C-alpha atoms as a PDB file:
ATOM      1  CA  MET A   1     -61.612 132.970-132.562  1.00  0.00           C
ATOM      2  CA  SER A   2     -58.624 134.292-130.700  1.00  0.00           C
ATOM      3  CA  SER A   3     -55.105 133.480-131.812  1.00  0.00           C
ATOM      4  CA  ASP A   4     -53.930 133.979-128.213  1.00  0.00           C
ATOM      5  CA  PRO A   5     -54.011 131.401-125.409  1.00  0.00           C
ATOM      6  CA  ILE A   6     -57.272 131.350-123.461  1.00  0.00           C
ATOM      7  CA  PRO A   7     -56.895 130.982-119.685  1.00  0.00           C
ATOM      8  CA  LEU A   8     -59.837 128.773-118.688  1.00  0.00           C
ATOM      9  CA  SER A   9     -59.796 130.123-115.126  1.00  0.00           C
ATOM     10  CA  LYS A  10     -60.317 133.653-116.486  1.00  0.00           C
ATOM     11  CA  ALA A  11     -63.072 132.481-118.851  1.00  0.00           C
ATOM     12  CA  LEU A  12     -64.848 130.659-115.992  1.00  0.00           C
ATOM     13  CA  ALA A  13     -64.558 133.732-113.756  1.00  0.00           C
ATOM     14  CA  SER A  14     -66.358 135.846-116.379  1.00  0.00           C
ATOM     15  CA  PHE A  15     -69.820 134.360-115.657  1.00  0.00           C
ATOM     16  CA  ASP A  16     -71.876 132.889-112.811  1.00  0.00           C
ATOM     17  CA  ALA A  17     -74.819 131.216-114.586  1.00  0.00           C
ATOM     18  CA  LEU A  18     -75.146 127.476-113.954  1.00  0.00           C
ATOM     19  CA  TRP A  19     -75.738 124.934-116.737  1.00  0.00           C
ATOM     20  CA  SER A  20     -75.147 127.697-119.283  1.00  0.00           C
ATOM     21  CA  PRO A  21     -72.119 126.686-121.406  1.00  0.00           C
ATOM     22  CA  ARG A  22     -69.926 129.332-123.009  1.00  0.00           C
ATOM     23  CA  ILE A  23     -67.971 128.692-126.203  1.00  0.00           C
ATOM     24  CA  VAL A  24     -64.278 129.391-125.603  1.00  0.00           C
ATOM     25  CA  THR A  25     -62.975 128.295-129.013  1.00  0.00           C
ATOM     26  CA  ARG A  26     -63.749 126.091-132.004  1.00  0.00           C
ATOM     27  CA  VAL A  27     -61.873 123.095-133.409  1.00  0.00           C
ATOM     28  CA  ASN A  28     -62.950 122.364-136.980  1.00  0.00           C
ATOM     29  CA  ASN A  29     -66.755 122.213-136.702  1.00  0.00           C
ATOM     30  CA  TYR A  30     -66.754 121.572-132.936  1.00  0.00           C
ATOM     31  CA  ASP A  31     -67.471 124.004-130.119  1.00  0.00           C
ATOM     32  CA  VAL A  32     -65.215 123.819-127.084  1.00  0.00           C
ATOM     33  CA  ARG A  33     -67.527 124.868-124.259  1.00  0.00           C
ATOM     34  CA  ILE A  34     -67.017 125.491-120.570  1.00  0.00           C
ATOM     35  CA  ALA A  35     -69.728 125.538-117.930  1.00  0.00           C
ATOM     36  CA  LYS A  36     -70.283 125.870-114.234  1.00  0.00           C
ATOM     37  CA  VAL A  37     -72.678 123.233-112.989  1.00  0.00           C
ATOM     38  CA  GLU A  38     -74.340 122.457-109.677  1.00  0.00           C
ATOM     39  CA  GLY A  39     -77.376 120.376-108.810  1.00  0.00           C
ATOM     40  CA  GLU A  40     -79.157 118.447-111.547  1.00  0.00           C
ATOM     41  CA  HIS A  41     -79.535 118.979-115.269  1.00  0.00           C
ATOM     42  CA  ILE A  42     -82.355 117.178-117.122  1.00  0.00           C
ATOM     43  CA  TRP A  43     -82.513 113.742-118.738  1.00  0.00           C
ATOM     44  CA  HIS A  44     -81.732 114.236-122.421  1.00  0.00           C
ATOM     45  CA  VAL A  45     -80.237 112.528-125.462  1.00  0.00           C
ATOM     46  CA  HIS A  46     -78.192 113.633-128.460  1.00  0.00           C
ATOM     47  CA  ASP A  47     -79.386 111.450-131.331  1.00  0.00           C
ATOM     48  CA  ASP A  48     -76.561 112.205-133.764  1.00  0.00           C
ATOM     49  CA  THR A  49     -73.468 113.006-131.708  1.00  0.00           C
ATOM     50  CA  ASP A  50     -71.381 111.787-128.805  1.00  0.00           C
ATOM     51  CA  GLU A  51     -70.847 114.225-125.910  1.00  0.00           C
ATOM     52  CA  PHE A  52     -67.371 114.621-124.387  1.00  0.00           C
ATOM     53  CA  PHE A  53     -66.900 115.850-120.795  1.00  0.00           C
ATOM     54  CA  LEU A  54     -63.697 116.910-118.995  1.00  0.00           C
ATOM     55  CA  VAL A  55     -64.000 117.896-115.327  1.00  0.00           C
ATOM     56  CA  LEU A  56     -61.842 120.952-114.680  1.00  0.00           C
ATOM     57  CA  ASP A  57     -62.816 121.370-111.022  1.00  0.00           C
ATOM     58  CA  GLY A  58     -65.071 119.535-108.594  1.00  0.00           C
ATOM     59  CA  GLU A  59     -66.877 116.303-109.350  1.00  0.00           C
ATOM     60  CA  LEU A  60     -69.485 115.447-111.976  1.00  0.00           C
ATOM     61  CA  HIS A  61     -71.904 112.516-111.938  1.00  0.00           C
ATOM     62  CA  ILE A  62     -73.576 111.343-115.132  1.00  0.00           C
ATOM     63  CA  SER A  63     -76.525 108.973-114.937  1.00  0.00           C
ATOM     64  CA  LEU A  64     -76.964 106.858-118.073  1.00  0.00           C
ATOM     65  CA  ARG A  65     -79.912 104.825-119.331  1.00  0.00           C
ATOM     66  CA  GLU A  66     -78.354 101.983-121.291  1.00  0.00           C
ATOM     67  CA  PRO A  67     -79.769  98.758-122.795  1.00  0.00           C
ATOM     68  CA  ASP A  68     -78.637  96.801-119.698  1.00  0.00           C
ATOM     69  CA  GLY A  69     -80.208  99.317-117.297  1.00  0.00           C
ATOM     70  CA  GLU A  70     -79.342 102.525-115.554  1.00  0.00           C
ATOM     71  CA  ARG A  71     -75.909 103.339-114.142  1.00  0.00           C
ATOM     72  CA  THR A  72     -74.033 106.393-112.909  1.00  0.00           C
ATOM     73  CA  VAL A  73     -70.429 107.296-113.703  1.00  0.00           C
ATOM     74  CA  LEU A  74     -68.458 109.470-111.304  1.00  0.00           C
ATOM     75  CA  LEU A  75     -65.958 111.909-112.798  1.00  0.00           C
ATOM     76  CA  PRO A  76     -63.487 113.481-110.368  1.00  0.00           C
ATOM     77  CA  GLN A  77     -61.381 116.506-111.307  1.00  0.00           C
ATOM     78  CA  GLY A  78     -59.221 115.719-114.344  1.00  0.00           C
ATOM     79  CA  ALA A  79     -61.407 112.822-115.552  1.00  0.00           C
ATOM     80  CA  VAL A  80     -62.907 112.570-119.033  1.00  0.00           C
ATOM     81  CA  PHE A  81     -65.945 110.639-120.246  1.00  0.00           C
ATOM     82  CA  THR A  82     -67.815 110.370-123.530  1.00  0.00           C
ATOM     83  CA  VAL A  83     -71.557 109.740-123.573  1.00  0.00           C
ATOM     84  CA  PRO A  84     -72.276 107.772-126.760  1.00  0.00           C
ATOM     85  CA  ARG A  85     -74.777 109.226-129.217  1.00  0.00           C
ATOM     86  CA  GLY A  86     -78.313 108.041-128.588  1.00  0.00           C
ATOM     87  CA  THR A  87     -77.701 107.399-124.866  1.00  0.00           C
ATOM     88  CA  GLU A  88     -80.122 109.127-122.529  1.00  0.00           C
ATOM     89  CA  HIS A  89     -78.169 110.826-119.749  1.00  0.00           C
ATOM     90  CA  LYS A  90     -78.478 113.298-116.881  1.00  0.00           C
ATOM     91  CA  PRO A  91     -75.417 115.142-115.563  1.00  0.00           C
ATOM     92  CA  TYR A  92     -75.435 116.400-111.990  1.00  0.00           C
ATOM     93  CA  ALA A  93     -72.951 117.907-109.584  1.00  0.00           C
ATOM     94  CA  PRO A  94     -74.071 117.759-105.939  1.00  0.00           C
ATOM     95  CA  SER A  95     -71.261 120.089-104.775  1.00  0.00           C
ATOM     96  CA  GLY A  96     -70.673 122.006-107.990  1.00  0.00           C
ATOM     97  CA  ALA A  97     -68.135 121.570-110.767  1.00  0.00           C
ATOM     98  CA  ALA A  98     -66.527 123.293-113.743  1.00  0.00           C
ATOM     99  CA  ILE A  99     -66.555 121.273-116.957  1.00  0.00           C
ATOM    100  CA  LEU A 100     -65.294 121.459-120.537  1.00  0.00           C
ATOM    101  CA  MET A 101     -67.241 119.845-123.388  1.00  0.00           C
ATOM    102  CA  PHE A 102     -66.611 119.164-127.097  1.00  0.00           C
ATOM    103  CA  GLU A 103     -69.739 119.153-129.232  1.00  0.00           C
ATOM    104  CA  PRO A 104     -70.551 119.838-132.882  1.00  0.00           C
ATOM    105  CA  ALA A 105     -71.224 123.556-133.392  1.00  0.00           C
ATOM    106  CA  GLY A 106     -74.823 124.417-132.593  1.00  0.00           C
ATOM    107  CA  THR A 107     -75.565 121.322-130.493  1.00  0.00           C
ATOM    108  CA  PRO A 108     -78.350 122.216-128.014  1.00  0.00           C
ATOM    109  CA  THR A 109     -77.404 121.693-124.365  1.00  0.00           C
ATOM    110  CA  VAL A 110     -80.710 119.900-123.777  1.00  0.00           C
ATOM    111  CA  GLY A 111     -80.143 117.473-126.642  1.00  0.00           C
ATOM    112  CA  ASP A 112     -82.618 116.406-129.285  1.00  0.00           C
ATOM    113  CA  ARG A 113     -85.057 114.763-126.888  1.00  0.00           C
ATOM    114  CA  HIS A 114     -85.392 115.661-123.219  1.00  0.00           C
ATOM    115  CA  ASP A 115     -87.488 115.816-120.075  1.00  0.00           C
ATOM    116  CA  GLU A 116     -89.584 118.899-119.413  1.00  0.00           C
ATOM    117  CA  ILE A 117     -87.344 121.957-119.189  1.00  0.00           C
ATOM    118  CA  PRO A 118     -87.630 124.021-115.989  1.00  0.00           C
ATOM    119  CA  GLU A 119     -88.981 127.570-116.389  1.00  0.00           C
ATOM    120  CA  HIS A 120     -85.577 129.112-115.569  1.00  0.00           C
ATOM    121  CA  VAL A 121     -83.970 127.490-118.648  1.00  0.00           C
ATOM    122  CA  ASP A 122     -84.190 128.698-122.263  1.00  0.00           C
ATOM    123  CA  SER A 123     -85.809 125.811-124.150  1.00  0.00           C
ATOM    124  CA  THR A 124     -83.936 126.661-127.358  1.00  0.00           C
ATOM    125  CA  THR A 125     -80.389 126.834-126.056  1.00  0.00           C
ATOM    126  CA  GLY A 126     -80.629 125.068-122.704  1.00  0.00           C
ATOM    127  CA  HIS A 127     -78.936 128.082-121.106  1.00  0.00           C
ATOM    128  CA  ALA A 128     -80.095 129.413-117.742  1.00  0.00           C
ATOM    129  CA  LEU A 129     -82.242 132.511-118.075  1.00  0.00           C
ATOM    130  CA  THR A 130     -80.976 135.565-116.252  1.00  0.00           C
ATOM    131  CA  THR A 131     -83.240 138.025-114.505  1.00  0.00           C
END
């Protein structure tokens, strides 16, 4: 990892793929990832880890399936939210957003259990496939 500061705006400008997080640094055994998102991701769950979101730009919605039912949280720019481990969730960004996430190194973007993955997404990494 770099010992120099990492401008997130420059890192975000280096790629266009949606729902395809890039690791910008590591903290202990955690990846610090950034992603551009727009539209819907898939319903998925991380069985063994929480998932932290920080909205850098735009607005992110996260639908959650909880014991008391389904709800959606709205995260405007600058907001943070942690999805608890074992909670099925589906992020989406109707108008697009840039996000930062903290996850244990190697955590798949599509979680441990998930809905069917669209053909344009790598089922191993959850990253958008490029053509």
